[in-house]
Amino acid sequence: MLRWMTCLLITLGLAWPAAGAWAEDEAGGVRADPARHKAAPKSPRARVRKVAADNGELNLRSNVALVVDQSTGQPVIAKNIDEVHPIASITKLMTAQVILDAQLPMAEPVLITEDDKDTERNSRSRLRVGAELSRTDLLQLALLASENRAAHALGRTFPGGMSAFVAAMNQKARTLGMTNTRFVDPTGLSSNNVSTASDLVKMVQSADRYALIREYSTTATHDVEVLGRQVRFANTNRLVGSDSWDISLSKTGFINEAGRCLVMQAKIQGRALTIVLLDSFGKFTRIADANRIRKWLNSPNAAARISVNPGPAAGA
């Protein structure tokens, strides 16, 4: 029975780490020990049943999916869009907006301190304590490499400190009409940072109005000096830079409680689309789902159906 179940999961592209194994984290290859997470991951078997029950014609493996045509505001694909989920490092898109709204001096150096170390999940970081980077570099690393110490340092050095920063994040969410969203930290390491796909579309489209967020989140790599040594950070979204994609904004996220998450602004068949994928189980399934969506939207039948009549969303 165990062998049959393992084969099934491999066929579906799903896998979970063995007990005590390391789980991938976002920050430039940083990894966190799942045993230290506050909540146990969902049962893989339960996840398989849940996804299989609501695949729709696209056979999406993400438990939550929403694709919205920006020109019409109409959903093209929708699946569990009002379920509240932890959003992991998708949080950093709000972090970036609050920093830019505050019009702080971006060239100002910011020191990485012991306070910026992750004590919740004990994830590692290549931004060592004692390193000094400009606020610009920290913002870019938070967006493209999902660097947690960078995001935390941005919040810690905000006028009024971390509590004022988190309050500004939640105020921004309310201003955007994100009624089912709550933030408690600027990194997304807390599973108490929660939202819905419907709310995240609003946040992504708001972030898309910031030129620096568009630029930094879609840069493939960025080099910074850390304590006298050049360190290269890579984008956590492998689709950035792909010839098959036209992406203007991107952010990934992962903690065990959230699953693999991905949001993007992209053009497909000449349409500007907002894409939200949450709670994807398996290291590569969010990328596979994004490619399934692109392939489906590139098909002549789908393009004609969307163009003539938005109608009911696929997978709804």
C-alpha atoms as a PDB file:
ATOM      1  CA  MET A   1       0.000   0.000   0.000  1.00  0.00           C
ATOM      2  CA  LEU A   2       2.841   2.384   0.902  1.00  0.00           C
ATOM      3  CA  ARG A   3       4.641   1.621  -2.360  1.00  0.00           C
ATOM      4  CA  TRP A   4       1.411   2.230  -4.341  1.00  0.00           C
ATOM      5  CA  MET A   5       0.835   5.551  -2.564  1.00  0.00           C
ATOM      6  CA  THR A   6       4.438   6.657  -3.196  1.00  0.00           C
ATOM      7  CA  CYS A   7       4.132   5.878  -6.916  1.00  0.00           C
ATOM      8  CA  LEU A   8       0.889   7.827  -7.071  1.00  0.00           C
ATOM      9  CA  LEU A   9       2.443  10.885  -5.453  1.00  0.00           C
ATOM     10  CA  ILE A  10       5.465  10.757  -7.779  1.00  0.00           C
ATOM     11  CA  THR A  11       3.154  10.526 -10.775  1.00  0.00           C
ATOM     12  CA  LEU A  12       1.247  13.600  -9.567  1.00  0.00           C
ATOM     13  CA  GLY A  13       4.495  15.487  -9.017  1.00  0.00           C
ATOM     14  CA  LEU A  14       3.982  15.561  -5.249  1.00  0.00           C
ATOM     15  CA  ALA A  15       6.458  14.716  -2.542  1.00  0.00           C
ATOM     16  CA  TRP A  16       7.043  15.503   1.087  1.00  0.00           C
ATOM     17  CA  PRO A  17      10.225  15.463   3.128  1.00  0.00           C
ATOM     18  CA  ALA A  18      10.988  12.578   5.394  1.00  0.00           C
ATOM     19  CA  ALA A  19      10.905  13.194   9.117  1.00  0.00           C
ATOM     20  CA  GLY A  20      13.728  15.493  10.133  1.00  0.00           C
ATOM     21  CA  ALA A  21      14.458  16.500   6.521  1.00  0.00           C
ATOM     22  CA  TRP A  22      15.140  20.109   5.603  1.00  0.00           C
ATOM     23  CA  ALA A  23      12.448  22.127   3.863  1.00  0.00           C
ATOM     24  CA  GLU A  24      13.240  24.751   1.280  1.00  0.00           C
ATOM     25  CA  ASP A  25      12.906  28.370   2.358  1.00  0.00           C
ATOM     26  CA  GLU A  26      12.818  31.440   0.162  1.00  0.00           C
ATOM     27  CA  ALA A  27      15.862  33.506   0.976  1.00  0.00           C
ATOM     28  CA  GLY A  28      18.461  32.613  -1.631  1.00  0.00           C
ATOM     29  CA  GLY A  29      18.543  28.928  -0.805  1.00  0.00           C
ATOM     30  CA  VAL A  30      17.939  29.376   2.930  1.00  0.00           C
ATOM     31  CA  ARG A  31      16.425  26.299   4.490  1.00  0.00           C
ATOM     32  CA  ALA A  32      14.359  25.920   7.649  1.00  0.00           C
ATOM     33  CA  ASP A  33      13.772  22.892   9.847  1.00  0.00           C
ATOM     34  CA  PRO A  34      10.077  21.858   9.630  1.00  0.00           C
ATOM     35  CA  ALA A  35      10.294  20.408  13.147  1.00  0.00           C
ATOM     36  CA  ARG A  36      10.641  23.940  14.453  1.00  0.00           C
ATOM     37  CA  HIS A  37       7.473  25.197  12.792  1.00  0.00           C
ATOM     38  CA  LYS A  38       4.610  25.961  15.122  1.00  0.00           C
ATOM     39  CA  ALA A  39       1.982  24.087  13.096  1.00  0.00           C
ATOM     40  CA  ALA A  40       2.362  20.636  11.588  1.00  0.00           C
ATOM     41  CA  PRO A  41       2.064  20.428   7.782  1.00  0.00           C
ATOM     42  CA  LYS A  42      -1.206  19.171   6.376  1.00  0.00           C
ATOM     43  CA  SER A  43      -1.477  15.485   5.649  1.00  0.00           C
ATOM     44  CA  PRO A  44      -0.143  14.770   2.123  1.00  0.00           C
ATOM     45  CA  ARG A  45      -2.879  12.179   1.608  1.00  0.00           C
ATOM     46  CA  ALA A  46      -5.578  14.692   2.603  1.00  0.00           C
ATOM     47  CA  ARG A  47      -4.077  17.245   0.249  1.00  0.00           C
ATOM     48  CA  VAL A  48      -4.181  14.808  -2.686  1.00  0.00           C
ATOM     49  CA  ARG A  49      -7.871  14.123  -2.104  1.00  0.00           C
ATOM     50  CA  LYS A  50      -8.714  17.813  -1.731  1.00  0.00           C
ATOM     51  CA  VAL A  51      -6.958  18.863  -4.927  1.00  0.00           C
ATOM     52  CA  ALA A  52      -8.280  15.941  -6.940  1.00  0.00           C
ATOM     53  CA  ALA A  53     -11.834  16.834  -5.932  1.00  0.00           C
ATOM     54  CA  ASP A  54     -11.588  20.328  -7.443  1.00  0.00           C
ATOM     55  CA  ASN A  55      -9.176  20.182 -10.343  1.00  0.00           C
ATOM     56  CA  GLY A  56     -11.594  21.499 -12.965  1.00  0.00           C
ATOM     57  CA  GLU A  57     -10.573  21.327 -16.618  1.00  0.00           C
ATOM     58  CA  LEU A  58      -7.123  22.742 -15.853  1.00  0.00           C
ATOM     59  CA  ASN A  59      -6.133  20.039 -13.356  1.00  0.00           C
ATOM     60  CA  LEU A  60      -4.490  22.649 -11.099  1.00  0.00           C
ATOM     61  CA  ARG A  61      -2.595  21.281  -8.108  1.00  0.00           C
ATOM     62  CA  SER A  62      -2.685  24.531  -6.118  1.00  0.00           C
ATOM     63  CA  ASN A  63      -5.528  24.526  -3.609  1.00  0.00           C
ATOM     64  CA  VAL A  64      -6.234  28.191  -4.371  1.00  0.00           C
ATOM     65  CA  ALA A  65      -6.015  29.809  -7.809  1.00  0.00           C
ATOM     66  CA  LEU A  66      -7.246  33.081  -9.248  1.00  0.00           C
ATOM     67  CA  VAL A  67      -6.471  34.693 -12.598  1.00  0.00           C
ATOM     68  CA  VAL A  68      -8.016  38.100 -13.293  1.00  0.00           C
ATOM     69  CA  ASP A  69      -8.070  40.001 -16.588  1.00  0.00           C
ATOM     70  CA  GLN A  70      -6.885  43.482 -15.626  1.00  0.00           C
ATOM     71  CA  SER A  71      -8.696  45.225 -18.471  1.00  0.00           C
ATOM     72  CA  THR A  72     -12.121  43.884 -17.471  1.00  0.00           C
ATOM     73  CA  GLY A  73     -11.620  42.994 -13.815  1.00  0.00           C
ATOM     74  CA  GLN A  74     -13.219  39.638 -14.629  1.00  0.00           C
ATOM     75  CA  PRO A  75     -11.911  36.350 -13.186  1.00  0.00           C
ATOM     76  CA  VAL A  76     -10.707  34.008 -15.904  1.00  0.00           C
ATOM     77  CA  ILE A  77      -9.839  31.154 -13.555  1.00  0.00           C
ATOM     78  CA  ALA A  78     -11.083  30.859  -9.984  1.00  0.00           C
ATOM     79  CA  LYS A  79     -10.690  28.181  -7.339  1.00  0.00           C
ATOM     80  CA  ASN A  80     -11.300  28.620  -3.590  1.00  0.00           C
ATOM     81  CA  ILE A  81     -10.677  32.336  -3.971  1.00  0.00           C
ATOM     82  CA  ASP A  82     -12.234  33.433  -0.666  1.00  0.00           C
ATOM     83  CA  GLU A  83     -10.539  30.867   1.568  1.00  0.00           C
ATOM     84  CA  VAL A  84      -8.251  32.495   4.142  1.00  0.00           C
ATOM     85  CA  HIS A  85      -4.701  31.102   4.035  1.00  0.00           C
ATOM     86  CA  PRO A  86      -1.254  31.980   5.366  1.00  0.00           C
ATOM     87  CA  ILE A  87       0.600  33.788   2.564  1.00  0.00           C
ATOM     88  CA  ALA A  88       4.260  33.429   3.601  1.00  0.00           C
ATOM     89  CA  SER A  89       6.626  35.733   1.692  1.00  0.00           C
ATOM     90  CA  ILE A  90       3.897  37.119  -0.559  1.00  0.00           C
ATOM     91  CA  THR A  91       3.771  39.454   2.460  1.00  0.00           C
ATOM     92  CA  LYS A  92       6.880  41.227   1.180  1.00  0.00           C
ATOM     93  CA  LEU A  93       4.888  42.953  -1.580  1.00  0.00           C
ATOM     94  CA  MET A  94       3.075  44.851   1.167  1.00  0.00           C
ATOM     95  CA  THR A  95       6.365  45.448   2.986  1.00  0.00           C
ATOM     96  CA  ALA A  96       7.755  47.065  -0.151  1.00  0.00           C
ATOM     97  CA  GLN A  97       4.721  49.290  -0.669  1.00  0.00           C
ATOM     98  CA  VAL A  98       4.811  50.594   2.905  1.00  0.00           C
ATOM     99  CA  ILE A  99       8.531  51.379   2.626  1.00  0.00           C
ATOM    100  CA  LEU A 100       8.075  53.256  -0.654  1.00  0.00           C
ATOM    101  CA  ASP A 101       4.996  55.108   0.586  1.00  0.00           C
ATOM    102  CA  ALA A 102       7.025  56.414   3.536  1.00  0.00           C
ATOM    103  CA  GLN A 103       9.544  58.026   1.126  1.00  0.00           C
ATOM    104  CA  LEU A 104      12.462  57.116   3.362  1.00  0.00           C
ATOM    105  CA  PRO A 105      16.024  57.849   2.154  1.00  0.00           C
ATOM    106  CA  MET A 106      16.727  54.769   0.042  1.00  0.00           C
ATOM    107  CA  ALA A 107      20.506  55.307  -0.070  1.00  0.00           C
ATOM    108  CA  GLU A 108      20.708  55.354   3.729  1.00  0.00           C
ATOM    109  CA  PRO A 109      22.768  52.439   5.119  1.00  0.00           C
ATOM    110  CA  VAL A 110      20.972  49.973   7.368  1.00  0.00           C
ATOM    111  CA  LEU A 111      22.857  47.642   9.728  1.00  0.00           C
ATOM    112  CA  ILE A 112      21.816  43.985   9.988  1.00  0.00           C
ATOM    113  CA  THR A 113      21.583  43.185  13.706  1.00  0.00           C
ATOM    114  CA  GLU A 114      20.820  40.226  15.949  1.00  0.00           C
ATOM    115  CA  ASP A 115      17.226  41.445  16.026  1.00  0.00           C
ATOM    116  CA  ASP A 116      16.899  40.587  12.324  1.00  0.00           C
ATOM    117  CA  LYS A 117      17.681  36.894  12.856  1.00  0.00           C
ATOM    118  CA  ASP A 118      14.752  34.513  12.415  1.00  0.00           C
ATOM    119  CA  THR A 119      13.927  33.136  15.869  1.00  0.00           C
ATOM    120  CA  GLU A 120      10.598  31.629  14.768  1.00  0.00           C
ATOM    121  CA  ARG A 121      11.896  29.081  12.265  1.00  0.00           C
ATOM    122  CA  ASN A 122      15.660  29.446  12.676  1.00  0.00           C
ATOM    123  CA  SER A 123      16.153  29.837   8.930  1.00  0.00           C
ATOM    124  CA  ARG A 124      19.604  30.745   7.695  1.00  0.00           C
ATOM    125  CA  SER A 125      20.576  33.869   5.799  1.00  0.00           C
ATOM    126  CA  ARG A 126      23.579  35.064   3.829  1.00  0.00           C
ATOM    127  CA  LEU A 127      23.057  38.568   5.209  1.00  0.00           C
ATOM    128  CA  ARG A 128      25.306  38.173   8.212  1.00  0.00           C
ATOM    129  CA  VAL A 129      24.900  40.197  11.384  1.00  0.00           C
ATOM    130  CA  GLY A 130      27.105  43.276  11.098  1.00  0.00           C
ATOM    131  CA  ALA A 131      26.562  43.700   7.364  1.00  0.00           C
ATOM    132  CA  GLU A 132      25.527  47.163   6.243  1.00  0.00           C
ATOM    133  CA  LEU A 133      23.446  47.655   3.117  1.00  0.00           C
ATOM    134  CA  SER A 134      21.473  50.507   1.649  1.00  0.00           C
ATOM    135  CA  ARG A 135      17.714  50.505   2.060  1.00  0.00           C
ATOM    136  CA  THR A 136      17.553  50.094  -1.737  1.00  0.00           C
ATOM    137  CA  ASP A 137      19.595  46.890  -1.609  1.00  0.00           C
ATOM    138  CA  LEU A 138      17.492  45.533   1.244  1.00  0.00           C
ATOM    139  CA  LEU A 139      14.292  46.212  -0.674  1.00  0.00           C
ATOM    140  CA  GLN A 140      15.638  44.520  -3.788  1.00  0.00           C
ATOM    141  CA  LEU A 141      16.813  41.437  -1.856  1.00  0.00           C
ATOM    142  CA  ALA A 142      13.469  41.197  -0.060  1.00  0.00           C
ATOM    143  CA  LEU A 143      11.622  41.177  -3.385  1.00  0.00           C
ATOM    144  CA  LEU A 144      13.781  39.124  -5.730  1.00  0.00           C
ATOM    145  CA  ALA A 145      15.449  36.730  -3.265  1.00  0.00           C
ATOM    146  CA  SER A 146      12.765  36.878  -0.555  1.00  0.00           C
ATOM    147  CA  GLU A 147      15.505  37.670   1.977  1.00  0.00           C
ATOM    148  CA  ASN A 148      13.939  37.581   5.429  1.00  0.00           C
ATOM    149  CA  ARG A 149      16.596  39.560   7.285  1.00  0.00           C
ATOM    150  CA  ALA A 150      16.351  42.262   4.634  1.00  0.00           C
ATOM    151  CA  ALA A 151      12.581  42.535   5.076  1.00  0.00           C
ATOM    152  CA  HIS A 152      12.862  42.489   8.862  1.00  0.00           C
ATOM    153  CA  ALA A 153      15.528  45.222   8.860  1.00  0.00           C
ATOM    154  CA  LEU A 154      13.282  47.390   6.687  1.00  0.00           C
ATOM    155  CA  GLY A 155      10.474  47.060   9.216  1.00  0.00           C
ATOM    156  CA  ARG A 156      12.716  47.450  12.266  1.00  0.00           C
ATOM    157  CA  THR A 157      14.204  50.736  11.024  1.00  0.00           C
ATOM    158  CA  PHE A 158      10.835  52.216  10.030  1.00  0.00           C
ATOM    159  CA  PRO A 159       9.914  55.423  11.912  1.00  0.00           C
ATOM    160  CA  GLY A 160       8.228  54.255  15.107  1.00  0.00           C
ATOM    161  CA  GLY A 161       9.754  50.788  14.879  1.00  0.00           C
ATOM    162  CA  MET A 162       8.267  47.415  14.034  1.00  0.00           C
ATOM    163  CA  SER A 163       4.878  47.980  15.648  1.00  0.00           C
ATOM    164  CA  ALA A 164       4.364  51.141  13.608  1.00  0.00           C
ATOM    165  CA  PHE A 165       5.443  49.319  10.475  1.00  0.00           C
ATOM    166  CA  VAL A 166       2.995  46.433  10.958  1.00  0.00           C
ATOM    167  CA  ALA A 167       0.242  48.949  11.718  1.00  0.00           C
ATOM    168  CA  ALA A 168       1.039  50.711   8.433  1.00  0.00           C
ATOM    169  CA  MET A 169       0.841  47.366   6.587  1.00  0.00           C
ATOM    170  CA  ASN A 170      -2.617  46.684   7.968  1.00  0.00           C
ATOM    171  CA  GLN A 171      -3.756  50.225   7.290  1.00  0.00           C
ATOM    172  CA  LYS A 172      -2.615  49.886   3.671  1.00  0.00           C
ATOM    173  CA  ALA A 173      -4.547  46.619   3.421  1.00  0.00           C
ATOM    174  CA  ARG A 174      -7.698  48.330   4.682  1.00  0.00           C
ATOM    175  CA  THR A 175      -7.209  51.174   2.223  1.00  0.00           C
ATOM    176  CA  LEU A 176      -7.019  48.652  -0.610  1.00  0.00           C
ATOM    177  CA  GLY A 177     -10.216  46.940   0.553  1.00  0.00           C
ATOM    178  CA  MET A 178      -8.430  43.762   1.670  1.00  0.00           C
ATOM    179  CA  THR A 179     -11.068  42.826   4.216  1.00  0.00           C
ATOM    180  CA  ASN A 180      -9.853  39.281   4.918  1.00  0.00           C
ATOM    181  CA  THR A 181      -6.164  40.112   5.319  1.00  0.00           C
ATOM    182  CA  ARG A 182      -4.003  40.496   8.415  1.00  0.00           C
ATOM    183  CA  PHE A 183      -0.267  41.129   8.838  1.00  0.00           C
ATOM    184  CA  VAL A 184       1.802  40.608  11.976  1.00  0.00           C
ATOM    185  CA  ASP A 185       5.324  40.836  10.534  1.00  0.00           C
ATOM    186  CA  PRO A 186       7.093  42.123   7.391  1.00  0.00           C
ATOM    187  CA  THR A 187       8.711  38.817   6.365  1.00  0.00           C
ATOM    188  CA  GLY A 188       5.847  36.325   6.111  1.00  0.00           C
ATOM    189  CA  LEU A 189       7.589  33.872   8.435  1.00  0.00           C
ATOM    190  CA  SER A 190       4.561  34.014  10.712  1.00  0.00           C
ATOM    191  CA  SER A 191       1.608  31.854   9.697  1.00  0.00           C
ATOM    192  CA  ASN A 192      -0.584  34.616  11.155  1.00  0.00           C
ATOM    193  CA  ASN A 193      -0.001  36.687   8.017  1.00  0.00           C
ATOM    194  CA  VAL A 194      -3.154  35.619   6.187  1.00  0.00           C
ATOM    195  CA  SER A 195      -5.206  36.630   3.172  1.00  0.00           C
ATOM    196  CA  THR A 196      -7.409  35.353   0.361  1.00  0.00           C
ATOM    197  CA  ALA A 197      -6.776  35.166  -3.371  1.00  0.00           C
ATOM    198  CA  SER A 198      -9.419  37.855  -3.892  1.00  0.00           C
ATOM    199  CA  ASP A 199      -7.589  40.193  -1.519  1.00  0.00           C
ATOM    200  CA  LEU A 200      -4.169  39.389  -2.960  1.00  0.00           C
ATOM    201  CA  VAL A 201      -5.283  40.438  -6.441  1.00  0.00           C
ATOM    202  CA  LYS A 202      -5.860  43.899  -4.966  1.00  0.00           C
ATOM    203  CA  MET A 203      -2.434  43.915  -3.328  1.00  0.00           C
ATOM    204  CA  VAL A 204      -0.640  42.696  -6.456  1.00  0.00           C
ATOM    205  CA  GLN A 205      -2.355  45.228  -8.684  1.00  0.00           C
ATOM    206  CA  SER A 206      -1.491  47.973  -6.197  1.00  0.00           C
ATOM    207  CA  ALA A 207       2.154  46.846  -6.107  1.00  0.00           C
ATOM    208  CA  ASP A 208       2.239  46.899  -9.903  1.00  0.00           C
ATOM    209  CA  ARG A 209       1.846  50.689  -9.759  1.00  0.00           C
ATOM    210  CA  TYR A 210       5.310  51.011  -8.155  1.00  0.00           C
ATOM    211  CA  ALA A 211       8.087  51.039 -10.756  1.00  0.00           C
ATOM    212  CA  LEU A 212      10.711  49.852  -8.258  1.00  0.00           C
ATOM    213  CA  ILE A 213       8.610  46.882  -7.166  1.00  0.00           C
ATOM    214  CA  ARG A 214       8.104  45.858 -10.787  1.00  0.00           C
ATOM    215  CA  GLU A 215      11.832  46.204 -11.493  1.00  0.00           C
ATOM    216  CA  TYR A 216      13.202  44.586  -8.344  1.00  0.00           C
ATOM    217  CA  SER A 217      10.763  41.655  -8.256  1.00  0.00           C
ATOM    218  CA  THR A 218      11.589  40.653 -11.846  1.00  0.00           C
ATOM    219  CA  THR A 219      15.379  41.065 -11.718  1.00  0.00           C
ATOM    220  CA  ALA A 220      17.082  37.708 -12.195  1.00  0.00           C
ATOM    221  CA  THR A 221      20.056  38.286  -9.861  1.00  0.00           C
ATOM    222  CA  HIS A 222      21.484  41.000  -7.633  1.00  0.00           C
ATOM    223  CA  ASP A 223      25.002  41.302  -6.192  1.00  0.00           C
ATOM    224  CA  VAL A 224      25.707  43.010  -2.882  1.00  0.00           C
ATOM    225  CA  GLU A 225      28.746  43.366  -0.650  1.00  0.00           C
ATOM    226  CA  VAL A 226      28.378  41.540   2.664  1.00  0.00           C
ATOM    227  CA  LEU A 227      31.219  42.187   5.112  1.00  0.00           C
ATOM    228  CA  GLY A 228      33.697  42.783   2.316  1.00  0.00           C
ATOM    229  CA  ARG A 229      32.604  39.866   0.126  1.00  0.00           C
ATOM    230  CA  GLN A 230      30.469  39.992  -3.025  1.00  0.00           C
ATOM    231  CA  VAL A 231      27.389  37.789  -2.694  1.00  0.00           C
ATOM    232  CA  ARG A 232      24.980  37.032  -5.529  1.00  0.00           C
ATOM    233  CA  PHE A 233      21.282  36.544  -4.799  1.00  0.00           C
ATOM    234  CA  ALA A 234      18.957  34.914  -7.337  1.00  0.00           C
ATOM    235  CA  ASN A 235      15.261  35.397  -7.981  1.00  0.00           C
ATOM    236  CA  THR A 236      13.098  32.769  -6.283  1.00  0.00           C
ATOM    237  CA  ASN A 237      10.740  32.608  -9.285  1.00  0.00           C
ATOM    238  CA  ARG A 238      12.353  30.450 -11.954  1.00  0.00           C
ATOM    239  CA  LEU A 239       9.901  31.833 -14.562  1.00  0.00           C
ATOM    240  CA  VAL A 240      11.508  35.284 -14.383  1.00  0.00           C
ATOM    241  CA  GLY A 241      13.664  35.694 -17.465  1.00  0.00           C
ATOM    242  CA  SER A 242      11.987  32.806 -19.286  1.00  0.00           C
ATOM    243  CA  ASP A 243      11.427  33.435 -22.997  1.00  0.00           C
ATOM    244  CA  SER A 244       7.970  31.872 -22.625  1.00  0.00           C
ATOM    245  CA  TRP A 245       6.784  34.468 -20.121  1.00  0.00           C
ATOM    246  CA  ASP A 246       6.231  38.234 -20.099  1.00  0.00           C
ATOM    247  CA  ILE A 247       6.232  38.977 -16.352  1.00  0.00           C
ATOM    248  CA  SER A 248       6.069  42.524 -15.007  1.00  0.00           C
ATOM    249  CA  LEU A 249       5.819  41.660 -11.286  1.00  0.00           C
ATOM    250  CA  SER A 250       6.536  38.523  -9.296  1.00  0.00           C
ATOM    251  CA  LYS A 251       6.659  37.169  -5.760  1.00  0.00           C
ATOM    252  CA  THR A 252       6.965  33.677  -4.334  1.00  0.00           C
ATOM    253  CA  GLY A 253       6.310  32.423  -0.830  1.00  0.00           C
ATOM    254  CA  PHE A 254       6.717  29.320   1.274  1.00  0.00           C
ATOM    255  CA  ILE A 255       6.270  28.121   4.811  1.00  0.00           C
ATOM    256  CA  ASN A 256       4.832  24.734   5.676  1.00  0.00           C
ATOM    257  CA  GLU A 257       1.513  26.188   6.775  1.00  0.00           C
ATOM    258  CA  ALA A 258       1.104  28.181   3.545  1.00  0.00           C
ATOM    259  CA  GLY A 259       2.409  25.679   1.036  1.00  0.00           C
ATOM    260  CA  ARG A 260       4.114  26.976  -2.095  1.00  0.00           C
ATOM    261  CA  CYS A 261       2.702  30.318  -3.222  1.00  0.00           C
ATOM    262  CA  LEU A 262       3.175  32.459  -6.320  1.00  0.00           C
ATOM    263  CA  VAL A 263       1.722  35.759  -7.500  1.00  0.00           C
ATOM    264  CA  MET A 264       2.501  37.479 -10.790  1.00  0.00           C
ATOM    265  CA  GLN A 265       1.456  40.184 -13.186  1.00  0.00           C
ATOM    266  CA  ALA A 266       1.955  38.795 -16.676  1.00  0.00           C
ATOM    267  CA  LYS A 267       0.829  39.199 -20.273  1.00  0.00           C
ATOM    268  CA  ILE A 268      -0.605  36.160 -22.032  1.00  0.00           C
ATOM    269  CA  GLN A 269      -2.117  36.420 -25.508  1.00  0.00           C
ATOM    270  CA  GLY A 270      -1.771  40.194 -25.199  1.00  0.00           C
ATOM    271  CA  ARG A 271      -3.883  40.303 -22.035  1.00  0.00           C
ATOM    272  CA  ALA A 272      -2.540  41.771 -18.795  1.00  0.00           C
ATOM    273  CA  LEU A 273      -3.374  39.223 -16.098  1.00  0.00           C
ATOM    274  CA  THR A 274      -3.016  38.986 -12.338  1.00  0.00           C
ATOM    275  CA  ILE A 275      -2.190  35.437 -11.246  1.00  0.00           C
ATOM    276  CA  VAL A 276      -2.486  34.154  -7.669  1.00  0.00           C
ATOM    277  CA  LEU A 277      -1.592  30.575  -6.693  1.00  0.00           C
ATOM    278  CA  LEU A 278      -1.662  29.550  -3.022  1.00  0.00           C
ATOM    279  CA  ASP A 279      -1.142  26.390  -1.004  1.00  0.00           C
ATOM    280  CA  SER A 280       0.521  24.371  -3.715  1.00  0.00           C
ATOM    281  CA  PHE A 281       1.908  21.075  -2.439  1.00  0.00           C
ATOM    282  CA  GLY A 282       5.203  19.976  -3.953  1.00  0.00           C
ATOM    283  CA  LYS A 283       8.299  21.999  -4.731  1.00  0.00           C
ATOM    284  CA  PHE A 284       7.557  22.596  -8.411  1.00  0.00           C
ATOM    285  CA  THR A 285       3.757  22.478  -8.572  1.00  0.00           C
ATOM    286  CA  ARG A 286       3.215  26.258  -8.400  1.00  0.00           C
ATOM    287  CA  ILE A 287       5.464  26.635 -11.453  1.00  0.00           C
ATOM    288  CA  ALA A 288       3.731  23.737 -13.197  1.00  0.00           C
ATOM    289  CA  ASP A 289       0.341  25.305 -12.452  1.00  0.00           C
ATOM    290  CA  ALA A 290       1.473  28.655 -13.870  1.00  0.00           C
ATOM    291  CA  ASN A 291       2.589  26.890 -17.034  1.00  0.00           C
ATOM    292  CA  ARG A 292      -0.720  24.973 -17.223  1.00  0.00           C
ATOM    293  CA  ILE A 293      -2.574  28.274 -17.008  1.00  0.00           C
ATOM    294  CA  ARG A 294      -0.414  29.845 -19.734  1.00  0.00           C
ATOM    295  CA  LYS A 295      -0.874  26.828 -22.002  1.00  0.00           C
ATOM    296  CA  TRP A 296      -4.649  26.838 -21.453  1.00  0.00           C
ATOM    297  CA  LEU A 297      -4.902  30.573 -22.137  1.00  0.00           C
ATOM    298  CA  ASN A 298      -2.778  30.184 -25.268  1.00  0.00           C
ATOM    299  CA  SER A 299      -5.132  27.567 -26.686  1.00  0.00           C
ATOM    300  CA  PRO A 300      -7.423  28.957 -29.447  1.00  0.00           C
ATOM    301  CA  ASN A 301     -10.622  27.748 -27.779  1.00  0.00           C
ATOM    302  CA  ALA A 302      -9.792  29.327 -24.432  1.00  0.00           C
ATOM    303  CA  ALA A 303      -8.747  32.612 -26.027  1.00  0.00           C
ATOM    304  CA  ALA A 304     -11.986  32.812 -28.012  1.00  0.00           C
ATOM    305  CA  ARG A 305     -14.110  31.925 -25.014  1.00  0.00           C
ATOM    306  CA  ILE A 306     -12.518  34.578 -22.810  1.00  0.00           C
ATOM    307  CA  SER A 307     -12.616  37.229 -25.542  1.00  0.00           C
ATOM    308  CA  VAL A 308     -16.286  36.781 -26.458  1.00  0.00           C
ATOM    309  CA  ASN A 309     -17.787  36.076 -23.043  1.00  0.00           C
ATOM    310  CA  PRO A 310     -16.013  36.080 -19.687  1.00  0.00           C
ATOM    311  CA  GLY A 311     -18.793  33.802 -18.398  1.00  0.00           C
ATOM    312  CA  PRO A 312     -18.211  31.489 -15.456  1.00  0.00           C
ATOM    313  CA  ALA A 313     -14.569  31.199 -14.466  1.00  0.00           C
ATOM    314  CA  ALA A 314     -12.812  27.947 -15.267  1.00  0.00           C
ATOM    315  CA  GLY A 315     -12.291  25.743 -12.243  1.00  0.00           C
ATOM    316  CA  ALA A 316     -14.802  27.727 -10.168  1.00  0.00           C
END
